N, C-alpha and C. Protein backbone atom coordinates (compact mmCIF):
# COMPACT_ATOMS: atom_id res chain seq x y z
N UNK A 1 120.56 31.26 118.49
CA UNK A 1 120.86 32.38 117.66
C UNK A 1 121.03 31.94 116.21
N UNK A 2 121.69 30.81 116.01
CA UNK A 2 121.89 30.30 114.67
C UNK A 2 120.56 29.88 114.06
N UNK A 3 119.69 29.40 114.88
CA UNK A 3 118.37 29.00 114.40
C UNK A 3 117.63 30.20 113.81
N UNK A 4 117.70 31.36 114.47
CA UNK A 4 117.06 32.58 113.98
C UNK A 4 117.63 32.97 112.64
N UNK A 5 118.92 32.85 112.47
CA UNK A 5 119.55 33.21 111.21
C UNK A 5 119.08 32.31 110.09
N UNK A 6 118.90 31.05 110.41
CA UNK A 6 118.43 30.11 109.40
C UNK A 6 117.02 30.45 108.95
N UNK A 7 116.18 30.84 109.87
CA UNK A 7 114.80 31.20 109.52
C UNK A 7 114.77 32.41 108.62
N UNK A 8 115.65 33.36 108.83
CA UNK A 8 115.71 34.55 108.00
C UNK A 8 116.22 34.19 106.62
N UNK A 9 117.20 33.34 106.55
CA UNK A 9 117.77 32.94 105.28
C UNK A 9 116.81 32.11 104.46
N UNK A 10 116.01 31.30 105.10
CA UNK A 10 115.09 30.41 104.40
C UNK A 10 113.68 31.00 104.44
N UNK A 11 113.19 31.50 103.29
CA UNK A 11 111.84 32.05 103.27
C UNK A 11 110.82 30.94 103.50
N UNK A 12 109.60 31.33 103.88
CA UNK A 12 108.59 30.30 104.12
C UNK A 12 108.31 29.51 102.84
N UNK A 13 107.97 28.28 103.04
CA UNK A 13 107.74 27.38 101.92
C UNK A 13 106.39 27.66 101.26
N UNK A 14 105.41 28.25 102.00
CA UNK A 14 104.07 28.48 101.48
C UNK A 14 104.07 29.79 100.68
N UNK A 15 104.11 29.69 99.33
CA UNK A 15 104.18 30.87 98.47
C UNK A 15 102.86 31.62 98.41
N UNK A 16 101.74 30.95 98.60
CA UNK A 16 100.45 31.65 98.57
C UNK A 16 100.35 32.63 99.73
N UNK A 17 100.93 32.29 100.85
CA UNK A 17 100.94 33.19 102.00
C UNK A 17 101.78 34.43 101.68
N UNK A 18 102.90 34.23 101.00
CA UNK A 18 103.77 35.33 100.62
C UNK A 18 103.05 36.28 99.68
N UNK A 19 102.37 35.77 98.68
CA UNK A 19 101.65 36.59 97.72
C UNK A 19 100.48 37.33 98.40
N UNK A 20 99.87 36.70 99.33
CA UNK A 20 98.78 37.35 100.07
C UNK A 20 99.31 38.56 100.85
N UNK A 21 100.45 38.38 101.49
CA UNK A 21 101.05 39.48 102.25
C UNK A 21 101.47 40.60 101.30
N UNK A 22 102.09 40.27 100.17
CA UNK A 22 102.52 41.27 99.19
C UNK A 22 101.30 42.02 98.65
N UNK A 23 100.24 41.30 98.32
CA UNK A 23 99.03 41.93 97.80
C UNK A 23 98.43 42.87 98.84
N UNK A 24 98.41 42.44 100.09
CA UNK A 24 97.87 43.28 101.16
C UNK A 24 98.69 44.57 101.31
N UNK A 25 100.01 44.44 101.22
CA UNK A 25 100.88 45.62 101.32
C UNK A 25 100.64 46.57 100.15
N UNK A 26 100.50 46.03 98.94
CA UNK A 26 100.24 46.86 97.76
C UNK A 26 98.89 47.56 97.89
N UNK A 27 97.89 46.86 98.34
CA UNK A 27 96.56 47.47 98.52
C UNK A 27 96.61 48.56 99.56
N UNK A 28 97.25 48.30 100.67
CA UNK A 28 97.35 49.31 101.73
C UNK A 28 98.11 50.54 101.23
N UNK A 29 99.21 50.31 100.48
CA UNK A 29 99.98 51.43 99.93
C UNK A 29 99.12 52.24 98.95
N UNK A 30 98.35 51.55 98.12
CA UNK A 30 97.45 52.23 97.18
C UNK A 30 96.42 53.07 97.91
N UNK A 31 95.85 52.54 98.96
CA UNK A 31 94.87 53.28 99.75
C UNK A 31 95.49 54.51 100.40
N UNK A 32 96.70 54.36 100.89
CA UNK A 32 97.39 55.49 101.53
C UNK A 32 97.65 56.58 100.49
N UNK A 33 98.11 56.19 99.31
CA UNK A 33 98.38 57.16 98.25
C UNK A 33 97.09 57.86 97.82
N UNK A 34 96.01 57.09 97.63
CA UNK A 34 94.72 57.68 97.25
C UNK A 34 94.23 58.65 98.32
N UNK A 35 94.35 58.26 99.57
CA UNK A 35 93.93 59.12 100.67
C UNK A 35 94.76 60.40 100.70
N UNK A 36 96.06 60.29 100.47
CA UNK A 36 96.93 61.46 100.43
C UNK A 36 96.47 62.44 99.35
N UNK A 37 96.23 61.93 98.13
CA UNK A 37 95.80 62.81 97.04
C UNK A 37 94.42 63.40 97.30
N UNK A 38 93.52 62.63 97.88
CA UNK A 38 92.19 63.15 98.20
C UNK A 38 92.28 64.27 99.22
N UNK A 39 93.07 64.05 100.27
CA UNK A 39 93.22 65.08 101.31
C UNK A 39 93.89 66.32 100.72
N UNK A 40 94.91 66.12 99.90
CA UNK A 40 95.63 67.24 99.29
C UNK A 40 94.69 68.02 98.37
N UNK A 41 93.90 67.33 97.56
CA UNK A 41 92.97 68.00 96.64
C UNK A 41 91.90 68.75 97.43
N UNK A 42 91.35 68.12 98.46
CA UNK A 42 90.34 68.76 99.31
C UNK A 42 90.93 69.99 99.99
N UNK A 43 92.16 69.88 100.44
CA UNK A 43 92.81 71.01 101.10
C UNK A 43 92.97 72.18 100.14
N UNK A 44 93.38 71.90 98.89
CA UNK A 44 93.53 72.96 97.89
C UNK A 44 92.19 73.61 97.60
N UNK A 45 91.14 72.78 97.48
CA UNK A 45 89.80 73.30 97.21
C UNK A 45 89.33 74.19 98.36
N UNK A 46 89.56 73.76 99.60
CA UNK A 46 89.17 74.56 100.75
C UNK A 46 89.93 75.89 100.77
N UNK A 47 91.21 75.86 100.39
CA UNK A 47 92.00 77.10 100.34
C UNK A 47 91.45 78.05 99.28
N UNK A 48 91.05 77.49 98.12
CA UNK A 48 90.48 78.32 97.07
C UNK A 48 89.17 78.94 97.52
N UNK A 49 88.33 78.14 98.18
CA UNK A 49 87.05 78.65 98.68
C UNK A 49 87.29 79.73 99.73
N UNK A 50 88.23 79.48 100.63
CA UNK A 50 88.54 80.47 101.66
C UNK A 50 89.08 81.75 101.04
N UNK A 51 89.92 81.60 100.03
CA UNK A 51 90.48 82.77 99.35
C UNK A 51 89.38 83.55 98.66
N UNK A 52 88.47 82.86 97.97
CA UNK A 52 87.36 83.52 97.30
C UNK A 52 86.46 84.22 98.31
N UNK A 53 86.16 83.53 99.41
CA UNK A 53 85.30 84.11 100.43
C UNK A 53 85.93 85.35 101.04
N UNK A 54 87.24 85.32 101.26
CA UNK A 54 87.87 86.47 101.88
C UNK A 54 87.91 87.67 100.95
N UNK A 55 87.95 87.44 99.64
CA UNK A 55 87.99 88.58 98.73
C UNK A 55 86.61 89.11 98.42
N UNK A 56 85.56 88.31 98.64
CA UNK A 56 84.23 88.79 98.27
C UNK A 56 83.35 89.14 99.45
N UNK A 57 83.68 88.68 100.66
CA UNK A 57 82.75 88.98 101.75
C UNK A 57 83.39 89.69 102.93
N UNK A 58 84.70 89.67 103.07
CA UNK A 58 85.28 90.31 104.23
C UNK A 58 85.68 91.75 103.99
N UNK A 59 85.85 92.13 102.75
CA UNK A 59 86.24 93.50 102.45
C UNK A 59 85.02 94.41 102.54
N UNK A 60 85.21 95.58 103.12
CA UNK A 60 84.08 96.49 103.26
C UNK A 60 83.70 97.14 101.94
N UNK A 61 84.57 97.04 100.94
CA UNK A 61 84.26 97.66 99.65
C UNK A 61 83.82 96.64 98.60
N UNK A 62 83.71 95.37 98.99
CA UNK A 62 83.33 94.34 98.04
C UNK A 62 82.14 93.57 98.58
N UNK A 63 81.11 93.40 97.75
CA UNK A 63 79.94 92.65 98.18
C UNK A 63 80.14 91.17 97.92
N UNK A 64 79.15 90.35 98.29
CA UNK A 64 79.25 88.90 98.13
C UNK A 64 79.36 88.47 96.68
N UNK A 65 78.92 89.26 95.73
CA UNK A 65 79.00 88.87 94.32
C UNK A 65 80.18 89.50 93.61
N UNK A 66 80.98 90.29 94.31
CA UNK A 66 82.14 90.89 93.67
C UNK A 66 81.94 92.34 93.28
N UNK A 67 80.82 92.95 93.65
CA UNK A 67 80.56 94.36 93.33
C UNK A 67 81.47 95.21 94.21
N UNK A 68 82.27 96.07 93.61
CA UNK A 68 83.14 96.93 94.39
C UNK A 68 82.67 98.36 94.32
N UNK A 69 82.93 99.10 95.39
CA UNK A 69 82.48 100.49 95.46
C UNK A 69 83.27 101.39 94.52
N UNK A 70 84.33 100.91 93.93
CA UNK A 70 85.13 101.73 93.02
C UNK A 70 84.69 101.60 91.57
N UNK A 71 83.71 100.77 91.29
CA UNK A 71 83.22 100.63 89.91
C UNK A 71 82.55 101.91 89.46
N UNK A 72 82.79 102.28 88.22
CA UNK A 72 82.16 103.47 87.64
C UNK A 72 80.70 103.13 87.30
N UNK A 73 79.87 104.16 87.10
CA UNK A 73 78.49 103.89 86.67
C UNK A 73 78.45 103.05 85.38
N UNK A 74 79.34 103.33 84.46
CA UNK A 74 79.41 102.55 83.21
C UNK A 74 79.70 101.08 83.51
N UNK A 75 80.68 100.82 84.37
CA UNK A 75 81.03 99.44 84.72
C UNK A 75 79.87 98.74 85.42
N UNK A 76 79.18 99.46 86.31
CA UNK A 76 78.03 98.88 87.02
C UNK A 76 76.95 98.46 86.03
N UNK A 77 76.61 99.35 85.09
CA UNK A 77 75.54 99.02 84.14
C UNK A 77 75.97 97.91 83.19
N UNK A 78 77.23 97.91 82.77
CA UNK A 78 77.69 96.84 81.88
C UNK A 78 77.68 95.49 82.59
N UNK A 79 78.14 95.46 83.83
CA UNK A 79 78.10 94.21 84.59
C UNK A 79 76.67 93.76 84.84
N UNK A 80 75.80 94.71 85.16
CA UNK A 80 74.38 94.38 85.37
C UNK A 80 73.80 93.74 84.11
N UNK A 81 74.09 94.32 82.95
CA UNK A 81 73.56 93.76 81.70
C UNK A 81 74.14 92.37 81.44
N UNK A 82 75.42 92.17 81.74
CA UNK A 82 76.03 90.85 81.53
C UNK A 82 75.46 89.80 82.47
N UNK A 83 75.03 90.22 83.65
CA UNK A 83 74.41 89.29 84.60
C UNK A 83 72.93 89.02 84.28
N UNK A 84 72.31 89.89 83.48
CA UNK A 84 70.88 89.73 83.21
C UNK A 84 70.56 89.34 81.78
N UNK A 85 71.43 89.62 80.85
CA UNK A 85 71.16 89.36 79.44
C UNK A 85 72.16 88.34 78.89
N UNK A 86 71.74 87.12 78.77
CA UNK A 86 72.62 86.05 78.32
C UNK A 86 73.02 86.13 76.87
N UNK A 87 72.43 87.04 76.10
CA UNK A 87 72.74 87.14 74.67
C UNK A 87 73.95 88.03 74.38
N UNK A 88 74.44 88.74 75.36
CA UNK A 88 75.58 89.64 75.14
C UNK A 88 76.90 88.88 75.20
N UNK A 89 77.88 89.32 74.42
CA UNK A 89 79.20 88.69 74.51
C UNK A 89 79.77 88.81 75.92
N UNK A 90 80.31 87.73 76.42
CA UNK A 90 80.89 87.73 77.76
C UNK A 90 79.87 87.64 78.88
N UNK A 91 78.61 87.43 78.54
CA UNK A 91 77.55 87.37 79.56
C UNK A 91 77.62 86.07 80.34
N UNK A 92 77.23 86.16 81.59
CA UNK A 92 77.12 85.01 82.48
C UNK A 92 75.94 85.30 83.40
N UNK A 93 74.77 84.81 83.04
CA UNK A 93 73.55 85.16 83.78
C UNK A 93 73.68 84.72 85.24
N UNK A 94 73.49 85.70 86.12
CA UNK A 94 73.55 85.48 87.57
C UNK A 94 72.65 86.53 88.19
N UNK A 95 71.38 86.17 88.41
CA UNK A 95 70.40 87.16 88.88
C UNK A 95 70.70 87.66 90.29
N UNK A 96 71.26 86.81 91.13
CA UNK A 96 71.61 87.25 92.48
C UNK A 96 72.70 88.33 92.42
N UNK A 97 73.69 88.11 91.57
CA UNK A 97 74.75 89.11 91.41
C UNK A 97 74.19 90.39 90.80
N UNK A 98 73.25 90.25 89.86
CA UNK A 98 72.64 91.43 89.23
C UNK A 98 71.91 92.27 90.28
N UNK A 99 71.25 91.62 91.21
CA UNK A 99 70.52 92.36 92.25
C UNK A 99 71.45 93.20 93.12
N UNK A 100 72.71 92.81 93.23
CA UNK A 100 73.68 93.59 94.00
C UNK A 100 73.87 94.98 93.39
N UNK A 101 73.59 95.12 92.10
CA UNK A 101 73.74 96.40 91.42
C UNK A 101 72.48 97.25 91.48
N UNK A 102 71.38 96.70 91.97
CA UNK A 102 70.11 97.44 92.06
C UNK A 102 69.99 98.07 93.45
N UNK A 103 69.45 99.29 93.50
CA UNK A 103 69.19 99.86 94.83
C UNK A 103 67.95 99.18 95.41
N UNK A 104 67.68 99.43 96.68
CA UNK A 104 66.59 98.73 97.37
C UNK A 104 65.23 98.99 96.72
N UNK A 105 64.98 100.24 96.28
CA UNK A 105 63.66 100.55 95.71
C UNK A 105 63.45 99.84 94.37
N UNK A 106 64.47 99.78 93.53
CA UNK A 106 64.34 99.08 92.25
C UNK A 106 64.21 97.58 92.47
N UNK A 107 64.96 97.06 93.39
CA UNK A 107 64.89 95.64 93.70
C UNK A 107 63.51 95.28 94.26
N UNK A 108 62.94 96.16 95.08
CA UNK A 108 61.60 95.91 95.64
C UNK A 108 60.52 95.99 94.55
N UNK A 109 60.75 96.81 93.55
CA UNK A 109 59.80 96.95 92.45
C UNK A 109 59.73 95.68 91.60
N UNK A 110 60.84 94.92 91.56
CA UNK A 110 60.93 93.68 90.80
C UNK A 110 61.41 92.56 91.73
N UNK A 111 60.53 92.06 92.60
CA UNK A 111 60.97 91.12 93.64
C UNK A 111 61.24 89.69 93.17
N UNK A 112 60.63 89.25 92.10
CA UNK A 112 60.77 87.85 91.69
C UNK A 112 61.99 87.59 90.83
N UNK A 113 62.22 86.31 90.56
CA UNK A 113 63.33 85.93 89.69
C UNK A 113 63.03 86.21 88.22
N UNK A 114 61.80 86.59 87.92
CA UNK A 114 61.41 86.89 86.53
C UNK A 114 61.53 88.39 86.24
N UNK A 115 62.35 89.10 86.98
CA UNK A 115 62.41 90.56 86.84
C UNK A 115 63.05 91.02 85.53
N UNK A 116 63.85 90.19 84.88
CA UNK A 116 64.59 90.64 83.70
C UNK A 116 63.66 91.09 82.57
N UNK A 117 62.71 90.24 82.10
CA UNK A 117 61.83 90.73 81.03
C UNK A 117 60.92 91.87 81.49
N UNK A 118 60.56 91.89 82.77
CA UNK A 118 59.72 92.96 83.28
C UNK A 118 60.48 94.29 83.31
N UNK A 119 61.72 94.24 83.74
CA UNK A 119 62.54 95.45 83.81
C UNK A 119 62.83 96.00 82.42
N UNK A 120 63.35 95.18 81.55
CA UNK A 120 63.74 95.63 80.23
C UNK A 120 62.56 95.79 79.27
N UNK A 121 61.45 95.11 79.55
CA UNK A 121 60.30 95.17 78.65
C UNK A 121 60.54 94.38 77.37
N UNK A 122 61.35 93.33 77.45
CA UNK A 122 61.69 92.52 76.28
C UNK A 122 61.60 91.05 76.63
N UNK A 123 61.49 90.21 75.61
CA UNK A 123 61.51 88.77 75.83
C UNK A 123 62.86 88.17 75.45
N UNK A 124 63.47 88.67 74.40
CA UNK A 124 64.78 88.19 73.95
C UNK A 124 65.79 89.32 74.12
N UNK A 125 66.98 88.97 74.54
CA UNK A 125 68.02 89.96 74.77
C UNK A 125 68.61 90.50 73.48
N UNK A 126 69.26 91.64 73.56
CA UNK A 126 69.90 92.23 72.38
C UNK A 126 71.16 91.46 71.99
N UNK A 127 71.56 91.61 70.73
CA UNK A 127 72.80 90.99 70.28
C UNK A 127 74.00 91.84 70.66
N UNK A 128 73.78 93.14 70.86
CA UNK A 128 74.86 94.01 71.34
C UNK A 128 74.27 95.27 71.93
N UNK A 129 75.08 95.92 72.75
CA UNK A 129 74.74 97.23 73.32
C UNK A 129 75.94 98.14 73.12
N UNK A 130 75.67 99.40 72.82
CA UNK A 130 76.74 100.38 72.62
C UNK A 130 76.51 101.56 73.55
N UNK A 131 77.56 101.96 74.24
CA UNK A 131 77.49 103.11 75.13
C UNK A 131 77.28 104.37 74.31
N UNK A 132 76.30 105.18 74.73
CA UNK A 132 76.05 106.46 74.08
C UNK A 132 76.67 107.57 74.92
N UNK A 133 76.28 107.63 76.20
CA UNK A 133 76.84 108.65 77.11
C UNK A 133 76.88 108.12 78.53
N UNK A 134 77.77 108.72 79.31
CA UNK A 134 77.84 108.50 80.75
C UNK A 134 77.97 109.87 81.39
N UNK A 135 76.98 110.27 82.16
CA UNK A 135 77.00 111.57 82.83
C UNK A 135 76.98 111.35 84.34
N UNK A 136 78.00 111.88 85.00
CA UNK A 136 78.08 111.78 86.46
C UNK A 136 77.97 113.19 87.02
N UNK A 137 77.06 113.34 87.98
CA UNK A 137 76.84 114.64 88.61
C UNK A 137 76.74 114.41 90.12
N UNK A 138 77.88 114.49 90.79
CA UNK A 138 77.89 114.27 92.23
C UNK A 138 77.58 112.81 92.57
N UNK A 139 76.47 112.62 93.30
CA UNK A 139 76.07 111.28 93.72
C UNK A 139 75.02 110.65 92.83
N UNK A 140 74.81 111.23 91.66
CA UNK A 140 73.89 110.64 90.69
C UNK A 140 74.60 110.50 89.34
N UNK A 141 74.11 109.56 88.56
CA UNK A 141 74.69 109.33 87.24
C UNK A 141 73.62 108.81 86.31
N UNK A 142 73.84 109.01 85.03
CA UNK A 142 72.95 108.52 83.98
C UNK A 142 73.84 107.90 82.90
N UNK A 143 73.52 106.65 82.53
CA UNK A 143 74.29 105.97 81.50
C UNK A 143 73.32 105.53 80.42
N UNK A 144 73.60 105.96 79.18
CA UNK A 144 72.71 105.66 78.05
C UNK A 144 73.38 104.70 77.09
N UNK A 145 72.58 103.75 76.59
CA UNK A 145 73.05 102.76 75.63
C UNK A 145 72.08 102.65 74.48
N UNK A 146 72.57 102.19 73.34
CA UNK A 146 71.73 101.73 72.25
C UNK A 146 71.81 100.21 72.25
N UNK A 147 70.66 99.57 72.38
CA UNK A 147 70.59 98.12 72.37
C UNK A 147 70.09 97.68 71.00
N UNK A 148 70.81 96.75 70.38
CA UNK A 148 70.48 96.30 69.03
C UNK A 148 69.85 94.92 69.07
N UNK A 149 68.66 94.84 68.45
CA UNK A 149 67.91 93.59 68.32
C UNK A 149 67.73 93.35 66.82
N UNK A 150 68.64 92.65 66.18
CA UNK A 150 68.54 92.47 64.73
C UNK A 150 68.66 93.81 64.03
N UNK A 151 67.57 94.24 63.35
CA UNK A 151 67.57 95.53 62.66
C UNK A 151 66.95 96.64 63.50
N UNK A 152 66.55 96.33 64.72
CA UNK A 152 65.88 97.30 65.59
C UNK A 152 66.85 97.76 66.68
N UNK A 153 66.78 99.06 66.99
CA UNK A 153 67.63 99.62 68.03
C UNK A 153 66.74 100.35 69.03
N UNK A 154 67.01 100.10 70.31
CA UNK A 154 66.28 100.77 71.40
C UNK A 154 67.28 101.59 72.22
N UNK A 155 66.83 102.72 72.73
CA UNK A 155 67.64 103.51 73.65
C UNK A 155 67.33 103.08 75.07
N UNK A 156 68.36 102.81 75.83
CA UNK A 156 68.22 102.43 77.23
C UNK A 156 68.93 103.46 78.10
N UNK A 157 68.29 103.82 79.22
CA UNK A 157 68.88 104.76 80.16
C UNK A 157 68.86 104.12 81.55
N UNK A 158 70.02 104.06 82.16
CA UNK A 158 70.16 103.60 83.54
C UNK A 158 70.48 104.81 84.39
N UNK A 159 69.66 105.09 85.41
CA UNK A 159 69.97 106.14 86.38
C UNK A 159 70.53 105.46 87.62
N UNK A 160 71.60 106.03 88.14
CA UNK A 160 72.28 105.44 89.29
C UNK A 160 72.44 106.45 90.41
N UNK A 161 72.53 105.92 91.63
CA UNK A 161 72.77 106.73 92.82
C UNK A 161 73.98 106.15 93.53
N UNK A 162 74.86 107.04 94.00
CA UNK A 162 76.04 106.58 94.72
C UNK A 162 75.68 106.35 96.18
N UNK A 163 76.00 105.16 96.68
CA UNK A 163 75.75 104.81 98.08
C UNK A 163 77.08 104.46 98.74
N UNK A 164 77.02 104.11 100.00
CA UNK A 164 78.23 103.69 100.71
C UNK A 164 78.81 102.41 100.09
N UNK A 165 77.95 101.61 99.45
CA UNK A 165 78.38 100.36 98.82
C UNK A 165 78.78 100.55 97.36
N UNK A 166 78.77 101.78 96.87
CA UNK A 166 79.10 102.04 95.47
C UNK A 166 77.88 102.49 94.69
N UNK A 167 78.01 102.52 93.38
CA UNK A 167 76.92 102.95 92.51
C UNK A 167 75.87 101.86 92.42
N UNK A 168 74.61 102.27 92.54
CA UNK A 168 73.46 101.35 92.44
C UNK A 168 72.49 101.87 91.40
N UNK A 169 71.93 100.96 90.62
CA UNK A 169 70.93 101.35 89.62
C UNK A 169 69.63 101.63 90.33
N UNK A 170 69.11 102.84 90.16
CA UNK A 170 67.87 103.24 90.83
C UNK A 170 66.69 103.30 89.89
N UNK A 171 66.97 103.37 88.58
CA UNK A 171 65.89 103.47 87.60
C UNK A 171 66.39 103.01 86.24
N UNK A 172 65.47 102.41 85.48
CA UNK A 172 65.78 102.01 84.11
C UNK A 172 64.65 102.48 83.20
N UNK A 173 65.02 103.05 82.04
CA UNK A 173 64.01 103.47 81.06
C UNK A 173 64.43 102.95 79.70
N UNK A 174 63.43 102.63 78.88
CA UNK A 174 63.68 102.16 77.52
C UNK A 174 62.75 102.91 76.56
N UNK A 175 63.21 103.12 75.32
CA UNK A 175 62.35 103.74 74.30
C UNK A 175 61.06 102.95 74.10
N UNK A 176 61.14 101.64 74.33
CA UNK A 176 59.98 100.76 74.08
C UNK A 176 58.95 100.86 75.21
N UNK A 177 59.31 101.40 76.34
CA UNK A 177 58.37 101.41 77.48
C UNK A 177 57.63 102.71 77.57
């Protein structure tokens, strides 16, 4: 028993062995800490993705891109323009999200990813758009804008139809077309 106590009191004489053990413990502790933070960060990211998915795809009133059935015709057309025209303030081009605002017939009329210049009849987007009128009549609506291109102004008309998924753009007309 006394022999055991002496061994505990007297550390090993080989200091390189001691440093090797200490270094191994520090490395293992570092790996454990890194793994903890990686798992924690991944878990937070997965929660954010799950939260986003639940708000955009599980609700019957919200589509995969965030289109809600409670949006007004004005809101639908403004969001559509922000998703299709990168020159507008607050714009974030997202053609897939823009298609969520188009009804099936309009979407079929412009099937490719190059539908923006074909639909609007322009090559460069306007610097601003101003609402002229919004007319809602039952399940149909018409929203008119003035689109400004430098010193030139065009009148744009979006016709919308109310569906179970909310307002959808069914037709677009421009003074230039």
